[in-house]
Every structure is written in C-alpha cells, then in structure tokens.
Amino acid sequence: MTARERVRTIVDASWFQGTVVSLILVNGVILGVETSTRVMAAHGGLLHAIDLCILALFVVELALRMFAHRAAFFRDPWSWFDLVIVGIALLPASGPFAVLRVLRVLRVLRLLSVIPSLRHVVAGLFRAMPGMMSILFLVVLLLYVSAVMATRLFAEVSPQYFADLPTSLFTLFQIATADGWGTIAKDVMEHEPMAWVFFVVFVLVSTLVALNLFIAVAVEALERDDDEPPRGGGEGRAGHGGSGPDDEGPEGQRLILAELRALRAEVESLRREREGVGPG
C-alpha cells in the first residue's frame, strides 16, 4: 500500500470524520465563549491558543485530503467550501482586516460539509431554489399590490403605518411576519371598522399560503433527491465518507477487472464441481 493509499484510508475513516466534527463543535463553543469580556479577561490567552491549535488541525486535515484525493478533491464543491471557510480564518485579523475576525465563526458552518445528512438538506434546498424564487416573486408582488391598496385606504386614518408606499411596505412585511399585526389592525379599525377584511385576507395569503408553498417546494426537492440513484457509482465525496471506483480512474478499472476475474474463476469452479458429481 502506497503512502497516498494509507492517507486516504485515514481521511476516509469514520473515526477521522468524527474527530473533525468534534473539533468543529469545540471551536464553535470557544468562539461563543470569546464573546464574554469577563471570561476573556481571565482566560483569553488560553482560548486564543486553543483556537489557533484547532485552526492548525483544520489546515492539516485539508492538506491530508488534498494529498489523498488530489484532483478528486478539487472537483468536489464541498471541498472548495471548506477551503474558503478555513482560508478566511487564515487571513490577518488586524488593521484593515480586523472585521474579518468576526468571520471566524463561519468555521462552525463546516458541519454542513462534514455531516452527510446536512449536506443532503443543503443540496435539496439549492435544488429547490428555482421554485423558491418563483414563490418569492409572488410574495413580493403580493406585498407591492397590498401596499398600494393599504396606502390609498388607510393613509389618512393611520399615517404612522400607511403614510406612503415605503412605510406601507414595511408595515405589511411586519404583518407578514406576524409581528404585532393585531395592534396595527386594531389601530386602523378604530377609524375603519371593515378594515379587518383586508388584514385577515392579507395574513392568510402571505403567511399561511406563501409559507406552505415554500415548505412544499423544499420537501419536494428533498424527496426527489432521495429518489435519484447515486451517479458515478460513488458512495461519498472526496475526503468525506469515501468514494467509488470512478474516483480512482485506471486504478478503479483494474480493481473491477480483478473482481470480475475472481468471479469468473469461482463460477468455473462451481461448474466443474457440478460436472464431477454428474447427473443425479
């Protein structure tokens, strides 16, 4: 076994992936603890040292995966995701780049690339983006039409909420998020008793119908992803969960041919045994 094969066995092992997940979780906890000025005053140096050690381990992990998978590593979008996240953490966090120190928390997002179930959900959401964009356009259109109507109907009786089109758009967005829409509706209904019809219809359409449409599109995309067979014969991605023979190129083809020869020899042996027994 070559050095590359040994490294690949290590980086594809379940214990290695579990270790990476544990490091990400520990790093996330440390980044959260660093927001406490009292804790930083007492243990800031230690936390910073642990953070640097974990970052160094992330760099070593990526280097091992690059060495083990080579071209397959760079063909995987999730590998590029890991490179970007770790690369941001390596940028200097002083001077004009001081704002990038806040982006260190993005390292927690590496859980999306390490845990297969999370990768599955994210892939399903990206697959659902075209349908979601159509629904989003429908919601924006509903907000605009409703804002124009509300401005014309309620600008005089409730100027604090519907004085002009931008104010009405913000108020209706607030209502769509179910943030105190009852108070807004009651304020308008003191002057326009029938205004409840407008608010009830808007809440039903914007909140219930639109939200359920978003959920339906996302669920459909996830179900479609479950029904699709894996392409390329692989069982994972480079550096996360192993890979199929296709990732090996000629080496994978040689393995398949060797397995076919062994299977053919076994069939030939069974045939000879049957001929030796003769008809019963």
Protein backbone atom coordinates (compact mmCIF):
# COMPACT_ATOMS: atom_id res chain seq x y z
CA MET A 1 0.00 0.00 0.00
CA THR A 2 1.39 3.36 -1.03
CA ALA A 3 1.60 6.42 1.22
CA ARG A 4 -1.29 8.04 -0.64
CA GLU A 5 -3.49 4.98 -0.11
CA ARG A 6 -2.64 4.89 3.60
CA VAL A 7 -3.50 8.58 3.98
CA ARG A 8 -6.73 8.06 2.05
CA THR A 9 -7.69 5.21 4.36
CA ILE A 10 -7.16 7.52 7.33
CA VAL A 11 -9.08 10.55 6.00
CA ASP A 12 -12.00 8.36 4.86
CA ALA A 13 -12.23 6.54 8.21
CA SER A 14 -15.28 7.19 10.38
CA TRP A 15 -13.13 8.00 13.43
CA PHE A 16 -11.33 10.70 11.43
CA GLN A 17 -14.63 12.29 10.40
CA GLY A 18 -15.86 12.07 14.00
CA THR A 19 -12.70 13.83 15.18
CA VAL A 20 -13.25 16.64 12.67
CA VAL A 21 -16.86 17.07 13.82
CA SER A 22 -15.71 17.21 17.45
CA LEU A 23 -13.10 19.87 16.63
CA ILE A 24 -15.69 21.97 14.82
CA LEU A 25 -18.07 21.76 17.78
CA VAL A 26 -15.32 22.65 20.27
CA ASN A 27 -14.26 25.55 18.06
CA GLY A 28 -17.85 26.79 17.93
CA VAL A 29 -18.12 26.71 21.72
CA ILE A 30 -14.83 28.61 22.07
CA LEU A 31 -15.97 31.28 19.61
CA GLY A 32 -19.14 31.71 21.65
CA VAL A 33 -17.27 31.91 24.95
CA GLU A 34 -14.95 34.57 23.48
CA THR A 35 -17.91 36.97 23.33
CA SER A 36 -17.79 37.19 27.15
CA THR A 37 -15.47 40.00 28.27
CA ARG A 38 -15.25 38.52 31.77
CA VAL A 39 -14.11 35.10 30.51
CA MET A 40 -11.69 36.68 28.03
CA ALA A 41 -10.16 38.79 30.76
CA ALA A 42 -9.46 35.66 32.81
CA HIS A 43 -8.68 33.04 30.14
CA GLY A 44 -8.27 34.96 26.88
CA GLY A 45 -4.75 33.72 26.22
CA LEU A 46 -5.67 30.06 26.71
CA LEU A 47 -8.77 30.30 24.50
CA HIS A 48 -6.79 32.03 21.77
CA ALA A 49 -4.13 29.31 21.88
CA ILE A 50 -6.74 26.55 21.63
CA ASP A 51 -8.37 28.37 18.73
CA LEU A 52 -5.05 28.55 16.88
CA CYS A 53 -4.38 24.84 17.53
CA ILE A 54 -7.76 23.86 16.12
CA LEU A 55 -7.18 26.08 13.08
CA ALA A 56 -3.82 24.38 12.53
CA LEU A 57 -5.51 20.97 12.72
CA PHE A 58 -8.04 22.11 10.12
CA VAL A 59 -5.20 23.10 7.80
CA VAL A 60 -3.53 19.71 8.33
CA GLU A 61 -6.84 17.96 7.62
CA LEU A 62 -7.30 19.80 4.32
CA ALA A 63 -3.69 19.08 3.35
CA LEU A 64 -4.18 15.36 4.02
CA ARG A 65 -7.37 15.32 1.96
CA MET A 66 -5.65 17.10 -0.92
CA PHE A 67 -2.79 14.59 -0.82
CA ALA A 68 -5.14 11.62 -0.58
CA HIS A 69 -7.67 12.61 -3.25
CA ARG A 70 -5.70 15.01 -5.45
CA ALA A 71 -7.84 16.01 -8.46
CA ALA A 72 -10.99 14.49 -6.93
CA PHE A 73 -10.65 16.91 -4.01
CA PHE A 74 -10.86 19.95 -6.30
CA ARG A 75 -13.78 18.51 -8.27
CA ASP A 76 -15.89 18.46 -5.11
CA PRO A 77 -17.79 21.73 -4.36
CA TRP A 78 -17.86 20.92 -0.64
CA SER A 79 -14.06 20.78 -0.61
CA TRP A 80 -13.96 24.29 -2.05
CA PHE A 81 -16.43 25.31 0.66
CA ASP A 82 -14.03 24.00 3.33
CA LEU A 83 -11.09 25.76 1.66
CA VAL A 84 -12.89 29.10 1.65
CA ILE A 85 -14.00 28.79 5.30
CA VAL A 86 -10.53 27.85 6.55
CA GLY A 87 -8.88 30.37 4.21
CA ILE A 88 -10.92 33.21 5.73
CA ALA A 89 -9.72 32.17 9.18
CA LEU A 90 -6.10 32.33 7.99
CA LEU A 91 -6.37 35.97 6.88
CA PRO A 92 -4.80 38.52 9.25
CA ALA A 93 -7.26 39.86 11.82
CA SER A 94 -5.61 43.22 12.38
CA GLY A 95 -5.50 46.56 10.62
CA PRO A 96 -7.91 46.85 7.68
CA PHE A 97 -8.74 43.14 8.02
CA ALA A 98 -9.92 43.42 11.64
CA VAL A 99 -13.54 42.96 10.55
CA LEU A 100 -12.62 39.50 9.23
CA ARG A 101 -12.10 38.35 12.82
CA VAL A 102 -15.88 38.22 13.14
CA LEU A 103 -16.00 35.79 10.20
CA ARG A 104 -14.09 33.17 12.21
CA VAL A 105 -17.46 31.92 13.41
CA LEU A 106 -18.08 30.68 9.85
CA ARG A 107 -15.86 27.72 10.73
CA VAL A 108 -18.89 26.24 12.50
CA LEU A 109 -20.55 26.02 9.08
CA ARG A 110 -18.08 23.26 8.19
CA LEU A 111 -20.56 20.95 9.88
CA LEU A 112 -22.60 21.31 6.68
CA SER A 113 -19.84 19.67 4.65
CA VAL A 114 -18.80 17.05 7.21
CA ILE A 115 -22.20 15.61 8.22
CA PRO A 116 -23.83 13.76 5.27
CA SER A 117 -27.42 14.44 6.39
CA LEU A 118 -26.75 18.19 6.49
CA ARG A 119 -25.15 18.04 3.04
CA HIS A 120 -28.29 16.29 1.82
CA VAL A 121 -30.54 19.03 3.20
CA VAL A 122 -28.42 21.85 1.77
CA ALA A 123 -28.28 20.15 -1.64
CA GLY A 124 -32.06 19.80 -1.57
CA LEU A 125 -32.50 23.48 -0.73
CA PHE A 126 -30.25 24.52 -3.60
CA ARG A 127 -32.23 22.25 -5.90
CA ALA A 128 -35.40 23.96 -4.73
CA MET A 129 -34.07 27.48 -5.39
CA PRO A 130 -35.78 27.93 -8.81
CA GLY A 131 -39.17 27.11 -7.33
CA MET A 132 -38.49 29.24 -4.26
CA MET A 133 -37.52 32.21 -6.42
CA SER A 134 -40.88 31.97 -8.20
CA ILE A 135 -42.69 31.93 -4.87
CA LEU A 136 -40.54 34.82 -3.63
CA PHE A 137 -41.51 36.84 -6.70
CA LEU A 138 -45.16 36.04 -5.96
CA VAL A 139 -44.76 37.24 -2.36
CA VAL A 140 -43.05 40.47 -3.47
CA LEU A 141 -45.85 41.08 -5.97
CA LEU A 142 -48.43 40.48 -3.23
CA LEU A 143 -46.64 42.91 -0.89
CA TYR A 144 -46.48 45.60 -3.55
CA VAL A 145 -50.13 45.33 -4.57
CA SER A 146 -51.27 45.21 -0.94
CA ALA A 147 -49.06 48.19 -0.03
CA VAL A 148 -50.58 50.30 -2.80
CA MET A 149 -54.09 49.36 -1.66
CA ALA A 150 -53.30 49.98 2.03
CA THR A 151 -51.74 53.37 1.30
CA ARG A 152 -54.82 54.51 -0.58
CA LEU A 153 -57.23 53.10 2.02
CA PHE A 154 -55.52 53.89 5.33
CA ALA A 155 -53.03 56.74 4.76
CA GLU A 156 -55.31 59.34 6.33
CA VAL A 157 -56.60 57.29 9.27
CA SER A 158 -53.27 55.66 10.21
CA PRO A 159 -50.34 57.69 8.82
CA GLN A 160 -47.84 56.13 11.25
CA TYR A 161 -48.30 52.80 9.46
CA PHE A 162 -49.51 53.66 5.94
CA ALA A 163 -48.44 57.27 5.22
CA ASP A 164 -46.69 56.40 1.95
CA LEU A 165 -45.68 53.38 -0.13
CA PRO A 166 -42.33 52.60 1.62
CA THR A 167 -43.99 52.88 5.07
CA SER A 168 -46.83 50.61 3.95
CA LEU A 169 -44.38 48.06 2.53
CA PHE A 170 -42.51 47.90 5.84
CA THR A 171 -45.77 47.66 7.84
CA LEU A 172 -47.11 44.85 5.64
CA PHE A 173 -43.80 43.00 5.89
CA GLN A 174 -44.10 43.30 9.67
CA ILE A 175 -47.66 41.93 9.46
CA ALA A 176 -46.48 39.06 7.22
CA THR A 177 -44.00 38.03 9.93
CA ALA A 178 -46.88 38.05 12.49
CA ASP A 179 -45.14 40.78 14.48
CA GLY A 180 -47.86 42.69 16.34
CA TRP A 181 -50.23 42.75 13.39
CA GLY A 182 -53.22 42.72 15.76
CA THR A 183 -52.19 46.07 17.24
CA ILE A 184 -51.84 47.58 13.77
CA ALA A 185 -55.19 46.21 12.67
CA LYS A 186 -56.98 47.50 15.78
CA ASP A 187 -55.49 50.96 15.31
CA VAL A 188 -56.87 51.12 11.78
CA MET A 189 -60.21 49.54 12.73
CA GLU A 190 -60.89 52.33 15.21
CA HIS A 191 -61.45 54.53 12.16
CA GLU A 192 -62.31 51.91 9.52
CA PRO A 193 -64.33 49.07 11.14
CA MET A 194 -64.30 46.96 7.97
CA ALA A 195 -60.52 47.08 7.69
CA TRP A 196 -60.37 43.66 9.33
CA VAL A 197 -61.29 42.11 5.96
CA PHE A 198 -58.11 43.47 4.35
CA PHE A 199 -55.85 42.35 7.23
CA VAL A 200 -57.35 38.87 7.59
CA VAL A 201 -57.10 38.17 3.86
CA PHE A 202 -53.53 39.51 3.72
CA VAL A 203 -52.41 37.42 6.71
CA LEU A 204 -54.00 34.26 5.33
CA VAL A 205 -52.43 34.66 1.89
CA SER A 206 -48.99 35.97 2.90
CA THR A 207 -48.37 33.89 6.00
CA LEU A 208 -50.24 30.61 5.55
CA VAL A 209 -50.31 30.13 1.78
CA ALA A 210 -46.85 31.52 0.95
CA LEU A 211 -45.14 29.75 3.86
CA ASN A 212 -46.73 26.43 2.95
CA LEU A 213 -45.67 26.89 -0.67
CA PHE A 214 -42.06 27.37 0.44
CA ILE A 215 -42.25 24.24 2.59
CA ALA A 216 -43.86 22.22 -0.21
CA VAL A 217 -41.15 23.17 -2.71
CA ALA A 218 -38.38 22.30 -0.24
CA VAL A 219 -39.93 18.94 0.68
CA GLU A 220 -40.46 18.05 -2.98
CA ALA A 221 -36.80 18.80 -3.73
CA LEU A 222 -35.63 16.63 -0.82
CA GLU A 223 -37.90 13.75 -1.85
CA ARG A 224 -36.67 13.99 -5.44
CA ASP A 225 -33.10 13.84 -4.17
CA ASP A 226 -33.95 10.66 -2.23
CA ASP A 227 -35.46 9.03 -5.31
CA GLU A 228 -32.48 9.76 -7.57
CA PRO A 229 -29.86 6.97 -7.67
CA PRO A 230 -26.27 7.96 -6.90
CA ARG A 231 -24.37 8.96 -10.01
CA GLY A 232 -20.91 7.72 -10.87
CA GLY A 233 -21.09 4.70 -8.54
CA GLY A 234 -19.53 6.67 -5.68
CA GLU A 235 -20.69 6.33 -2.10
CA GLY A 236 -19.41 9.64 -0.82
CA ARG A 237 -17.32 12.59 -1.70
CA ALA A 238 -13.64 13.26 -1.67
CA GLY A 239 -12.48 13.28 1.90
CA HIS A 240 -15.92 12.69 3.43
CA GLY A 241 -17.26 9.18 3.54
CA GLY A 242 -15.12 7.50 0.90
CA SER A 243 -15.54 7.35 -2.87
CA GLY A 244 -16.28 4.84 -5.56
CA PRO A 245 -14.03 3.31 -8.18
CA ASP A 246 -14.77 6.13 -10.62
CA ASP A 247 -12.70 8.46 -8.47
CA GLU A 248 -9.68 6.20 -9.00
CA GLY A 249 -9.62 6.26 -12.83
CA PRO A 250 -7.47 3.41 -14.23
CA GLU A 251 -6.82 2.04 -10.75
CA GLY A 252 -10.56 1.61 -10.16
CA GLN A 253 -10.95 -0.12 -13.51
CA ARG A 254 -8.19 -2.57 -12.60
CA LEU A 255 -9.99 -3.38 -9.35
CA ILE A 256 -13.21 -4.06 -11.21
CA LEU A 257 -11.44 -6.33 -13.72
CA ALA A 258 -9.78 -8.24 -10.88
CA GLU A 259 -13.14 -8.77 -9.20
CA LEU A 260 -14.64 -9.99 -12.49
CA ARG A 261 -11.79 -12.47 -12.97
CA ALA A 262 -12.26 -13.79 -9.43
CA LEU A 263 -15.99 -14.14 -10.00
CA ARG A 264 -15.41 -15.93 -13.30
CA ALA A 265 -12.98 -18.35 -11.63
CA GLU A 266 -15.49 -19.08 -8.89
CA VAL A 267 -18.23 -19.80 -11.44
CA GLU A 268 -15.87 -22.07 -13.38
CA SER A 269 -15.00 -23.94 -10.16
CA LEU A 270 -18.68 -24.46 -9.35
CA ARG A 271 -19.34 -25.71 -12.88
CA ARG A 272 -16.52 -28.24 -12.64
CA GLU A 273 -17.75 -29.49 -9.28
CA ARG A 274 -21.22 -29.96 -10.73
CA GLU A 275 -19.84 -31.87 -13.75
CA GLY A 276 -17.76 -34.06 -11.40
CA VAL A 277 -20.86 -35.04 -9.43
CA GLY A 278 -22.66 -35.96 -12.64
CA PRO A 279 -26.39 -36.33 -13.17
CA GLY A 280 -28.23 -37.45 -10.09
